mmCIF file of all heavy atoms, coordinates in Angstrom:
data_MODEL
# 
_entry.id   MODEL 
# 
loop_
_atom_site.group_PDB 
_atom_site.id 
_atom_site.type_symbol 
_atom_site.label_atom_id 
_atom_site.label_alt_id 
_atom_site.label_comp_id 
_atom_site.label_asym_id 
_atom_site.label_entity_id 
_atom_site.label_seq_id 
_atom_site.pdbx_PDB_ins_code 
_atom_site.Cartn_x 
_atom_site.Cartn_y 
_atom_site.Cartn_z 
_atom_site.occupancy 
_atom_site.B_iso_or_equiv 
_atom_site.pdbx_formal_charge 
_atom_site.auth_seq_id 
_atom_site.auth_comp_id 
_atom_site.auth_asym_id 
_atom_site.auth_atom_id 
_atom_site.pdbx_PDB_model_num 
ATOM 1   N N   . VAL A 1 1  ? -10.237 4.461   -7.469  1.00 0.00 ? 1  VAL A N   1 
ATOM 2   C CA  . VAL A 1 1  ? -9.038  3.793   -8.027  1.00 0.00 ? 1  VAL A CA  1 
ATOM 3   C C   . VAL A 1 1  ? -8.847  4.027   -9.390  1.00 0.00 ? 1  VAL A C   1 
ATOM 4   O O   . VAL A 1 1  ? -7.698  4.445   -9.941  1.00 0.00 ? 1  VAL A O   1 
ATOM 5   C CB  . VAL A 1 1  ? -8.941  2.373   -7.536  1.00 0.00 ? 1  VAL A CB  1 
ATOM 6   C CG1 . VAL A 1 1  ? -7.885  1.558   -8.348  1.00 0.00 ? 1  VAL A CG1 1 
ATOM 7   C CG2 . VAL A 1 1  ? -8.835  2.153   -6.124  1.00 0.00 ? 1  VAL A CG2 1 
ATOM 8   N N   . CYS A 1 2  ? -9.864  3.782   -10.159 1.00 0.00 ? 2  CYS A N   1 
ATOM 9   C CA  . CYS A 1 2  ? -9.621  4.033   -11.731 1.00 0.00 ? 2  CYS A CA  1 
ATOM 10  C C   . CYS A 1 2  ? -9.446  5.372   -12.124 1.00 0.00 ? 2  CYS A C   1 
ATOM 11  O O   . CYS A 1 2  ? -8.776  5.599   -13.106 1.00 0.00 ? 2  CYS A O   1 
ATOM 12  C CB  . CYS A 1 2  ? -10.936 3.305   -12.383 1.00 0.00 ? 2  CYS A CB  1 
ATOM 13  S SG  . CYS A 1 2  ? -10.878 1.504   -12.114 1.00 0.00 ? 2  CYS A SG  1 
ATOM 14  N N   . LEU A 1 3  ? -10.130 6.444   -11.618 1.00 0.00 ? 3  LEU A N   1 
ATOM 15  C CA  . LEU A 1 3  ? -10.032 7.728   -11.945 1.00 0.00 ? 3  LEU A CA  1 
ATOM 16  C C   . LEU A 1 3  ? -8.974  8.533   -11.354 1.00 0.00 ? 3  LEU A C   1 
ATOM 17  O O   . LEU A 1 3  ? -8.569  9.565   -11.946 1.00 0.00 ? 3  LEU A O   1 
ATOM 18  C CB  . LEU A 1 3  ? -11.395 8.393   -11.823 1.00 0.00 ? 3  LEU A CB  1 
ATOM 19  C CG  . LEU A 1 3  ? -12.476 7.929   -12.696 1.00 0.00 ? 3  LEU A CG  1 
ATOM 20  C CD1 . LEU A 1 3  ? -13.799 8.713   -12.344 1.00 0.00 ? 3  LEU A CD1 1 
ATOM 21  C CD2 . LEU A 1 3  ? -12.115 8.097   -14.138 1.00 0.00 ? 3  LEU A CD2 1 
ATOM 22  N N   . THR A 1 4  ? -8.330  8.028   -10.249 1.00 0.00 ? 4  THR A N   1 
ATOM 23  C CA  . THR A 1 4  ? -7.303  8.864   -9.545  1.00 0.00 ? 4  THR A CA  1 
ATOM 24  C C   . THR A 1 4  ? -6.004  8.072   -9.459  1.00 0.00 ? 4  THR A C   1 
ATOM 25  O O   . THR A 1 4  ? -4.977  8.384   -10.096 1.00 0.00 ? 4  THR A O   1 
ATOM 26  C CB  . THR A 1 4  ? -7.735  9.461   -8.251  1.00 0.00 ? 4  THR A CB  1 
ATOM 27  O OG1 . THR A 1 4  ? -8.216  8.330   -7.390  1.00 0.00 ? 4  THR A OG1 1 
ATOM 28  C CG2 . THR A 1 4  ? -8.915  10.413  -8.411  1.00 0.00 ? 4  THR A CG2 1 
ATOM 29  N N   . VAL A 1 5  ? -6.165  6.936   -8.640  1.00 0.00 ? 5  VAL A N   1 
ATOM 30  C CA  . VAL A 1 5  ? -4.819  6.252   -8.282  1.00 0.00 ? 5  VAL A CA  1 
ATOM 31  C C   . VAL A 1 5  ? -4.192  5.543   -9.495  1.00 0.00 ? 5  VAL A C   1 
ATOM 32  O O   . VAL A 1 5  ? -2.972  5.553   -9.735  1.00 0.00 ? 5  VAL A O   1 
ATOM 33  C CB  . VAL A 1 5  ? -5.190  5.186   -7.220  1.00 0.00 ? 5  VAL A CB  1 
ATOM 34  C CG1 . VAL A 1 5  ? -3.951  4.422   -6.795  1.00 0.00 ? 5  VAL A CG1 1 
ATOM 35  C CG2 . VAL A 1 5  ? -5.754  5.973   -5.901  1.00 0.00 ? 5  VAL A CG2 1 
ATOM 36  N N   . LYS A 1 6  ? -5.000  4.877   -10.304 1.00 0.00 ? 6  LYS A N   1 
ATOM 37  C CA  . LYS A 1 6  ? -4.459  4.071   -11.446 1.00 0.00 ? 6  LYS A CA  1 
ATOM 38  C C   . LYS A 1 6  ? -5.086  4.563   -12.762 1.00 0.00 ? 6  LYS A C   1 
ATOM 39  O O   . LYS A 1 6  ? -5.510  3.787   -13.654 1.00 0.00 ? 6  LYS A O   1 
ATOM 40  C CB  . LYS A 1 6  ? -4.819  2.690   -11.195 1.00 0.00 ? 6  LYS A CB  1 
ATOM 41  C CG  . LYS A 1 6  ? -4.166  1.922   -10.038 1.00 0.00 ? 6  LYS A CG  1 
ATOM 42  C CD  . LYS A 1 6  ? -4.428  0.502   -9.873  1.00 0.00 ? 6  LYS A CD  1 
ATOM 43  C CE  . LYS A 1 6  ? -3.718  -0.025  -8.772  1.00 0.00 ? 6  LYS A CE  1 
ATOM 44  N NZ  . LYS A 1 6  ? -4.011  -1.529  -8.627  1.00 0.00 ? 6  LYS A NZ  1 
ATOM 45  N N   . TYR A 1 7  ? -5.131  5.823   -12.994 1.00 0.00 ? 7  TYR A N   1 
ATOM 46  C CA  . TYR A 1 7  ? -5.756  6.403   -14.125 1.00 0.00 ? 7  TYR A CA  1 
ATOM 47  C C   . TYR A 1 7  ? -5.222  5.831   -15.495 1.00 0.00 ? 7  TYR A C   1 
ATOM 48  O O   . TYR A 1 7  ? -5.901  5.415   -16.404 1.00 0.00 ? 7  TYR A O   1 
ATOM 49  C CB  . TYR A 1 7  ? -5.743  7.945   -14.110 1.00 0.00 ? 7  TYR A CB  1 
ATOM 50  C CG  . TYR A 1 7  ? -6.424  8.556   -15.336 1.00 0.00 ? 7  TYR A CG  1 
ATOM 51  C CD1 . TYR A 1 7  ? -7.747  8.853   -15.231 1.00 0.00 ? 7  TYR A CD1 1 
ATOM 52  C CD2 . TYR A 1 7  ? -5.717  8.999   -16.466 1.00 0.00 ? 7  TYR A CD2 1 
ATOM 53  C CE1 . TYR A 1 7  ? -8.418  9.551   -16.243 1.00 0.00 ? 7  TYR A CE1 1 
ATOM 54  C CE2 . TYR A 1 7  ? -6.272  9.588   -17.514 1.00 0.00 ? 7  TYR A CE2 1 
ATOM 55  C CZ  . TYR A 1 7  ? -7.608  9.945   -17.512 1.00 0.00 ? 7  TYR A CZ  1 
ATOM 56  O OH  . TYR A 1 7  ? -8.299  10.474  -18.484 1.00 0.00 ? 7  TYR A OH  1 
ATOM 57  N N   . ALA A 1 8  ? -3.871  5.831   -15.541 1.00 0.00 ? 8  ALA A N   1 
ATOM 58  C CA  . ALA A 1 8  ? -3.195  5.444   -16.718 1.00 0.00 ? 8  ALA A CA  1 
ATOM 59  C C   . ALA A 1 8  ? -2.184  4.334   -16.403 1.00 0.00 ? 8  ALA A C   1 
ATOM 60  O O   . ALA A 1 8  ? -1.041  4.276   -17.035 1.00 0.00 ? 8  ALA A O   1 
ATOM 61  C CB  . ALA A 1 8  ? -2.585  6.578   -17.454 1.00 0.00 ? 8  ALA A CB  1 
ATOM 62  N N   . THR A 1 9  ? -2.553  3.448   -15.394 1.00 0.00 ? 9  THR A N   1 
ATOM 63  C CA  . THR A 1 9  ? -1.596  2.349   -15.020 1.00 0.00 ? 9  THR A CA  1 
ATOM 64  C C   . THR A 1 9  ? -2.054  1.060   -15.785 1.00 0.00 ? 9  THR A C   1 
ATOM 65  O O   . THR A 1 9  ? -3.023  0.674   -15.496 1.00 0.00 ? 9  THR A O   1 
ATOM 66  C CB  . THR A 1 9  ? -1.777  2.129   -13.484 1.00 0.00 ? 9  THR A CB  1 
ATOM 67  O OG1 . THR A 1 9  ? -1.380  3.368   -12.881 1.00 0.00 ? 9  THR A OG1 1 
ATOM 68  C CG2 . THR A 1 9  ? -0.698  0.998   -13.088 1.00 0.00 ? 9  THR A CG2 1 
ATOM 69  N N   . PHE A 1 10 ? -1.161  0.645   -16.705 1.00 0.00 ? 10 PHE A N   1 
ATOM 70  C CA  . PHE A 1 10 ? -1.397  -0.479  -17.462 1.00 0.00 ? 10 PHE A CA  1 
ATOM 71  C C   . PHE A 1 10 ? -0.775  -1.807  -16.972 1.00 0.00 ? 10 PHE A C   1 
ATOM 72  O O   . PHE A 1 10 ? -0.886  -2.825  -17.565 1.00 0.00 ? 10 PHE A O   1 
ATOM 73  C CB  . PHE A 1 10 ? -0.995  -0.178  -19.001 1.00 0.00 ? 10 PHE A CB  1 
ATOM 74  C CG  . PHE A 1 10 ? -1.729  0.849   -19.622 1.00 0.00 ? 10 PHE A CG  1 
ATOM 75  C CD1 . PHE A 1 10 ? -1.314  2.206   -19.709 1.00 0.00 ? 10 PHE A CD1 1 
ATOM 76  C CD2 . PHE A 1 10 ? -3.035  0.598   -20.112 1.00 0.00 ? 10 PHE A CD2 1 
ATOM 77  C CE1 . PHE A 1 10 ? -2.037  3.159   -20.191 1.00 0.00 ? 10 PHE A CE1 1 
ATOM 78  C CE2 . PHE A 1 10 ? -3.749  1.625   -20.734 1.00 0.00 ? 10 PHE A CE2 1 
ATOM 79  C CZ  . PHE A 1 10 ? -3.330  2.884   -20.727 1.00 0.00 ? 10 PHE A CZ  1 
ATOM 80  N N   . SER A 1 11 ? 0.057   -1.613  -15.906 1.00 0.00 ? 11 SER A N   1 
ATOM 81  C CA  . SER A 1 11 ? 0.638   -2.748  -15.280 1.00 0.00 ? 11 SER A CA  1 
ATOM 82  C C   . SER A 1 11 ? -0.064  -3.178  -14.112 1.00 0.00 ? 11 SER A C   1 
ATOM 83  O O   . SER A 1 11 ? -0.716  -2.335  -13.498 1.00 0.00 ? 11 SER A O   1 
ATOM 84  C CB  . SER A 1 11 ? 2.146   -2.459  -15.137 1.00 0.00 ? 11 SER A CB  1 
ATOM 85  O OG  . SER A 1 11 ? 2.193   -1.425  -14.080 1.00 0.00 ? 11 SER A OG  1 
ATOM 86  N N   . GLY A 1 12 ? 0.126   -4.391  -13.608 1.00 0.00 ? 12 GLY A N   1 
ATOM 87  C CA  . GLY A 1 12 ? -0.497  -4.814  -12.440 1.00 0.00 ? 12 GLY A CA  1 
ATOM 88  C C   . GLY A 1 12 ? -1.816  -5.604  -12.709 1.00 0.00 ? 12 GLY A C   1 
ATOM 89  O O   . GLY A 1 12 ? -1.964  -6.022  -13.881 1.00 0.00 ? 12 GLY A O   1 
ATOM 90  N N   . ARG A 1 13 ? -2.662  -5.738  -11.637 1.00 0.00 ? 13 ARG A N   1 
ATOM 91  C CA  . ARG A 1 13 ? -3.822  -6.539  -11.774 1.00 0.00 ? 13 ARG A CA  1 
ATOM 92  C C   . ARG A 1 13 ? -5.008  -5.709  -11.193 1.00 0.00 ? 13 ARG A C   1 
ATOM 93  O O   . ARG A 1 13 ? -4.855  -4.955  -10.407 1.00 0.00 ? 13 ARG A O   1 
ATOM 94  C CB  . ARG A 1 13 ? -3.602  -7.828  -11.078 1.00 0.00 ? 13 ARG A CB  1 
ATOM 95  C CG  . ARG A 1 13 ? -2.505  -8.714  -11.626 1.00 0.00 ? 13 ARG A CG  1 
ATOM 96  C CD  . ARG A 1 13 ? -2.054  -9.807  -10.644 1.00 0.00 ? 13 ARG A CD  1 
ATOM 97  N NE  . ARG A 1 13 ? -3.299  -10.728 -10.653 1.00 0.00 ? 13 ARG A NE  1 
ATOM 98  C CZ  . ARG A 1 13 ? -3.070  -11.988 -9.956  1.00 0.00 ? 13 ARG A CZ  1 
ATOM 99  N NH1 . ARG A 1 13 ? -1.848  -12.316 -9.647  1.00 0.00 ? 13 ARG A NH1 1 
ATOM 100 N NH2 . ARG A 1 13 ? -4.024  -12.791 -9.815  1.00 0.00 ? 13 ARG A NH2 1 
ATOM 101 N N   . ALA A 1 14 ? -6.235  -6.104  -11.712 1.00 0.00 ? 14 ALA A N   1 
ATOM 102 C CA  . ALA A 1 14 ? -7.451  -5.458  -11.228 1.00 0.00 ? 14 ALA A CA  1 
ATOM 103 C C   . ALA A 1 14 ? -8.495  -6.547  -11.047 1.00 0.00 ? 14 ALA A C   1 
ATOM 104 O O   . ALA A 1 14 ? -8.699  -7.418  -11.834 1.00 0.00 ? 14 ALA A O   1 
ATOM 105 C CB  . ALA A 1 14 ? -7.975  -4.491  -12.263 1.00 0.00 ? 14 ALA A CB  1 
ATOM 106 N N   . ARG A 1 15 ? -9.136  -6.507  -9.855  1.00 0.00 ? 15 ARG A N   1 
ATOM 107 C CA  . ARG A 1 15 ? -10.161 -7.578  -9.567  1.00 0.00 ? 15 ARG A CA  1 
ATOM 108 C C   . ARG A 1 15 ? -11.357 -7.339  -10.375 1.00 0.00 ? 15 ARG A C   1 
ATOM 109 O O   . ARG A 1 15 ? -11.490 -6.294  -11.051 1.00 0.00 ? 15 ARG A O   1 
ATOM 110 C CB  . ARG A 1 15 ? -10.498 -7.437  -8.004  1.00 0.00 ? 15 ARG A CB  1 
ATOM 111 C CG  . ARG A 1 15 ? -9.464  -7.837  -7.147  1.00 0.00 ? 15 ARG A CG  1 
ATOM 112 C CD  . ARG A 1 15 ? -9.734  -7.897  -5.804  1.00 0.00 ? 15 ARG A CD  1 
ATOM 113 N NE  . ARG A 1 15 ? -10.867 -8.980  -5.645  1.00 0.00 ? 15 ARG A NE  1 
ATOM 114 C CZ  . ARG A 1 15 ? -11.418 -9.103  -4.466  1.00 0.00 ? 15 ARG A CZ  1 
ATOM 115 N NH1 . ARG A 1 15 ? -11.054 -8.489  -3.373  1.00 0.00 ? 15 ARG A NH1 1 
ATOM 116 N NH2 . ARG A 1 15 ? -12.305 -10.005 -4.261  1.00 0.00 ? 15 ARG A NH2 1 
ATOM 117 N N   . ARG A 1 16 ? -12.230 -8.337  -10.418 1.00 0.00 ? 16 ARG A N   1 
ATOM 118 C CA  . ARG A 1 16 ? -13.507 -8.375  -11.113 1.00 0.00 ? 16 ARG A CA  1 
ATOM 119 C C   . ARG A 1 16 ? -14.213 -7.110  -10.645 1.00 0.00 ? 16 ARG A C   1 
ATOM 120 O O   . ARG A 1 16 ? -14.864 -6.408  -11.521 1.00 0.00 ? 16 ARG A O   1 
ATOM 121 C CB  . ARG A 1 16 ? -14.214 -9.566  -10.906 1.00 0.00 ? 16 ARG A CB  1 
ATOM 122 C CG  . ARG A 1 16 ? -14.011 -10.561 -11.925 1.00 0.00 ? 16 ARG A CG  1 
ATOM 123 C CD  . ARG A 1 16 ? -14.917 -11.716 -11.921 1.00 0.00 ? 16 ARG A CD  1 
ATOM 124 N NE  . ARG A 1 16 ? -14.795 -12.443 -10.587 1.00 0.00 ? 16 ARG A NE  1 
ATOM 125 C CZ  . ARG A 1 16 ? -15.144 -13.693 -10.387 1.00 0.00 ? 16 ARG A CZ  1 
ATOM 126 N NH1 . ARG A 1 16 ? -15.788 -14.384 -11.258 1.00 0.00 ? 16 ARG A NH1 1 
ATOM 127 N NH2 . ARG A 1 16 ? -14.885 -14.248 -9.221  1.00 0.00 ? 16 ARG A NH2 1 
ATOM 128 N N   . ALA A 1 17 ? -14.423 -7.024  -9.373  1.00 0.00 ? 17 ALA A N   1 
ATOM 129 C CA  . ALA A 1 17 ? -15.241 -5.892  -8.873  1.00 0.00 ? 17 ALA A CA  1 
ATOM 130 C C   . ALA A 1 17 ? -14.883 -4.487  -9.368  1.00 0.00 ? 17 ALA A C   1 
ATOM 131 O O   . ALA A 1 17 ? -15.667 -3.641  -9.764  1.00 0.00 ? 17 ALA A O   1 
ATOM 132 C CB  . ALA A 1 17 ? -15.137 -5.790  -7.346  1.00 0.00 ? 17 ALA A CB  1 
ATOM 133 N N   . GLU A 1 18 ? -13.531 -4.276  -9.437  1.00 0.00 ? 18 GLU A N   1 
ATOM 134 C CA  . GLU A 1 18 ? -12.978 -3.034  -9.896  1.00 0.00 ? 18 GLU A CA  1 
ATOM 135 C C   . GLU A 1 18 ? -13.406 -2.864  -11.433 1.00 0.00 ? 18 GLU A C   1 
ATOM 136 O O   . GLU A 1 18 ? -13.905 -1.722  -11.719 1.00 0.00 ? 18 GLU A O   1 
ATOM 137 C CB  . GLU A 1 18 ? -11.479 -2.880  -9.759  1.00 0.00 ? 18 GLU A CB  1 
ATOM 138 C CG  . GLU A 1 18 ? -10.824 -1.672  -10.264 1.00 0.00 ? 18 GLU A CG  1 
ATOM 139 C CD  . GLU A 1 18 ? -9.339  -1.701  -10.057 1.00 0.00 ? 18 GLU A CD  1 
ATOM 140 O OE1 . GLU A 1 18 ? -8.777  -2.592  -9.329  1.00 0.00 ? 18 GLU A OE1 1 
ATOM 141 O OE2 . GLU A 1 18 ? -8.666  -0.774  -10.588 1.00 0.00 ? 18 GLU A OE2 1 
ATOM 142 N N   . TYR A 1 19 ? -13.216 -3.822  -12.155 1.00 0.00 ? 19 TYR A N   1 
ATOM 143 C CA  . TYR A 1 19 ? -13.587 -3.652  -13.651 1.00 0.00 ? 19 TYR A CA  1 
ATOM 144 C C   . TYR A 1 19 ? -15.067 -3.390  -13.849 1.00 0.00 ? 19 TYR A C   1 
ATOM 145 O O   . TYR A 1 19 ? -15.517 -2.577  -14.506 1.00 0.00 ? 19 TYR A O   1 
ATOM 146 C CB  . TYR A 1 19 ? -13.168 -4.829  -14.409 1.00 0.00 ? 19 TYR A CB  1 
ATOM 147 C CG  . TYR A 1 19 ? -13.616 -4.941  -15.746 1.00 0.00 ? 19 TYR A CG  1 
ATOM 148 C CD1 . TYR A 1 19 ? -12.953 -4.102  -16.784 1.00 0.00 ? 19 TYR A CD1 1 
ATOM 149 C CD2 . TYR A 1 19 ? -14.643 -5.638  -16.160 1.00 0.00 ? 19 TYR A CD2 1 
ATOM 150 C CE1 . TYR A 1 19 ? -13.346 -4.046  -18.047 1.00 0.00 ? 19 TYR A CE1 1 
ATOM 151 C CE2 . TYR A 1 19 ? -15.212 -5.590  -17.451 1.00 0.00 ? 19 TYR A CE2 1 
ATOM 152 C CZ  . TYR A 1 19 ? -14.513 -4.802  -18.430 1.00 0.00 ? 19 TYR A CZ  1 
ATOM 153 O OH  . TYR A 1 19 ? -15.025 -4.851  -19.759 1.00 0.00 ? 19 TYR A OH  1 
ATOM 154 N N   . TRP A 1 20 ? -15.894 -4.345  -13.193 1.00 0.00 ? 20 TRP A N   1 
ATOM 155 C CA  . TRP A 1 20 ? -17.304 -4.193  -13.397 1.00 0.00 ? 20 TRP A CA  1 
ATOM 156 C C   . TRP A 1 20 ? -17.951 -2.969  -12.871 1.00 0.00 ? 20 TRP A C   1 
ATOM 157 O O   . TRP A 1 20 ? -18.926 -2.384  -13.476 1.00 0.00 ? 20 TRP A O   1 
ATOM 158 C CB  . TRP A 1 20 ? -17.987 -5.504  -12.937 1.00 0.00 ? 20 TRP A CB  1 
ATOM 159 C CG  . TRP A 1 20 ? -17.660 -6.687  -13.801 1.00 0.00 ? 20 TRP A CG  1 
ATOM 160 C CD1 . TRP A 1 20 ? -16.914 -7.729  -13.563 1.00 0.00 ? 20 TRP A CD1 1 
ATOM 161 C CD2 . TRP A 1 20 ? -18.118 -6.841  -15.198 1.00 0.00 ? 20 TRP A CD2 1 
ATOM 162 N NE1 . TRP A 1 20 ? -16.807 -8.579  -14.641 1.00 0.00 ? 20 TRP A NE1 1 
ATOM 163 C CE2 . TRP A 1 20 ? -17.520 -8.135  -15.731 1.00 0.00 ? 20 TRP A CE2 1 
ATOM 164 C CE3 . TRP A 1 20 ? -18.827 -6.169  -16.082 1.00 0.00 ? 20 TRP A CE3 1 
ATOM 165 C CZ2 . TRP A 1 20 ? -17.703 -8.578  -16.956 1.00 0.00 ? 20 TRP A CZ2 1 
ATOM 166 C CZ3 . TRP A 1 20 ? -19.013 -6.490  -17.439 1.00 0.00 ? 20 TRP A CZ3 1 
ATOM 167 C CH2 . TRP A 1 20 ? -18.528 -7.706  -17.781 1.00 0.00 ? 20 TRP A CH2 1 
ATOM 168 N N   . TRP A 1 21 ? -17.500 -2.519  -11.718 1.00 0.00 ? 21 TRP A N   1 
ATOM 169 C CA  . TRP A 1 21 ? -18.063 -1.274  -11.282 1.00 0.00 ? 21 TRP A CA  1 
ATOM 170 C C   . TRP A 1 21 ? -17.736 -0.083  -12.113 1.00 0.00 ? 21 TRP A C   1 
ATOM 171 O O   . TRP A 1 21 ? -18.493 0.837   -12.318 1.00 0.00 ? 21 TRP A O   1 
ATOM 172 C CB  . TRP A 1 21 ? -17.551 -0.973  -9.743  1.00 0.00 ? 21 TRP A CB  1 
ATOM 173 C CG  . TRP A 1 21 ? -18.191 -1.709  -8.598  1.00 0.00 ? 21 TRP A CG  1 
ATOM 174 C CD1 . TRP A 1 21 ? -17.566 -2.621  -7.731  1.00 0.00 ? 21 TRP A CD1 1 
ATOM 175 C CD2 . TRP A 1 21 ? -19.695 -1.770  -8.404  1.00 0.00 ? 21 TRP A CD2 1 
ATOM 176 N NE1 . TRP A 1 21 ? -18.548 -3.071  -6.900  1.00 0.00 ? 21 TRP A NE1 1 
ATOM 177 C CE2 . TRP A 1 21 ? -19.821 -2.658  -7.300  1.00 0.00 ? 21 TRP A CE2 1 
ATOM 178 C CE3 . TRP A 1 21 ? -20.739 -1.307  -8.946  1.00 0.00 ? 21 TRP A CE3 1 
ATOM 179 C CZ2 . TRP A 1 21 ? -21.012 -2.948  -6.649  1.00 0.00 ? 21 TRP A CZ2 1 
ATOM 180 C CZ3 . TRP A 1 21 ? -21.976 -1.483  -8.364  1.00 0.00 ? 21 TRP A CZ3 1 
ATOM 181 C CH2 . TRP A 1 21 ? -22.081 -2.300  -7.251  1.00 0.00 ? 21 TRP A CH2 1 
ATOM 182 N N   . PHE A 1 22 ? -16.545 0.019   -12.613 1.00 0.00 ? 22 PHE A N   1 
ATOM 183 C CA  . PHE A 1 22 ? -16.028 1.045   -13.434 1.00 0.00 ? 22 PHE A CA  1 
ATOM 184 C C   . PHE A 1 22 ? -16.815 0.913   -14.730 1.00 0.00 ? 22 PHE A C   1 
ATOM 185 O O   . PHE A 1 22 ? -17.243 2.023   -15.338 1.00 0.00 ? 22 PHE A O   1 
ATOM 186 C CB  . PHE A 1 22 ? -14.576 1.029   -13.673 1.00 0.00 ? 22 PHE A CB  1 
ATOM 187 C CG  . PHE A 1 22 ? -14.131 2.347   -14.395 1.00 0.00 ? 22 PHE A CG  1 
ATOM 188 C CD1 . PHE A 1 22 ? -14.063 3.493   -13.660 1.00 0.00 ? 22 PHE A CD1 1 
ATOM 189 C CD2 . PHE A 1 22 ? -13.724 2.261   -15.750 1.00 0.00 ? 22 PHE A CD2 1 
ATOM 190 C CE1 . PHE A 1 22 ? -13.640 4.727   -14.297 1.00 0.00 ? 22 PHE A CE1 1 
ATOM 191 C CE2 . PHE A 1 22 ? -13.411 3.518   -16.290 1.00 0.00 ? 22 PHE A CE2 1 
ATOM 192 C CZ  . PHE A 1 22 ? -13.239 4.697   -15.548 1.00 0.00 ? 22 PHE A CZ  1 
ATOM 193 N N   . SER A 1 23 ? -17.084 -0.227  -15.189 1.00 0.00 ? 23 SER A N   1 
ATOM 194 C CA  . SER A 1 23 ? -17.850 -0.357  -16.547 1.00 0.00 ? 23 SER A CA  1 
ATOM 195 C C   . SER A 1 23 ? -19.297 0.063   -16.311 1.00 0.00 ? 23 SER A C   1 
ATOM 196 O O   . SER A 1 23 ? -19.884 0.553   -17.192 1.00 0.00 ? 23 SER A O   1 
ATOM 197 C CB  . SER A 1 23 ? -17.835 -1.910  -17.024 1.00 0.00 ? 23 SER A CB  1 
ATOM 198 O OG  . SER A 1 23 ? -16.462 -2.297  -17.235 1.00 0.00 ? 23 SER A OG  1 
ATOM 199 N N   . LEU A 1 24 ? -19.857 -0.226  -15.245 1.00 0.00 ? 24 LEU A N   1 
ATOM 200 C CA  . LEU A 1 24 ? -21.123 0.210   -14.771 1.00 0.00 ? 24 LEU A CA  1 
ATOM 201 C C   . LEU A 1 24 ? -21.246 1.795   -14.823 1.00 0.00 ? 24 LEU A C   1 
ATOM 202 O O   . LEU A 1 24 ? -22.082 2.437   -15.419 1.00 0.00 ? 24 LEU A O   1 
ATOM 203 C CB  . LEU A 1 24 ? -21.697 -0.302  -13.427 1.00 0.00 ? 24 LEU A CB  1 
ATOM 204 C CG  . LEU A 1 24 ? -23.031 0.159   -13.051 1.00 0.00 ? 24 LEU A CG  1 
ATOM 205 C CD1 . LEU A 1 24 ? -24.095 -0.379  -13.903 1.00 0.00 ? 24 LEU A CD1 1 
ATOM 206 C CD2 . LEU A 1 24 ? -23.207 -0.252  -11.483 1.00 0.00 ? 24 LEU A CD2 1 
# 
């Protein structure tokens, strides 16, 4: 999701799991 679907999408919402997995 972070690297393809929403690469530069600054609107909307992201769950904790999405943020922390990408941060990892």
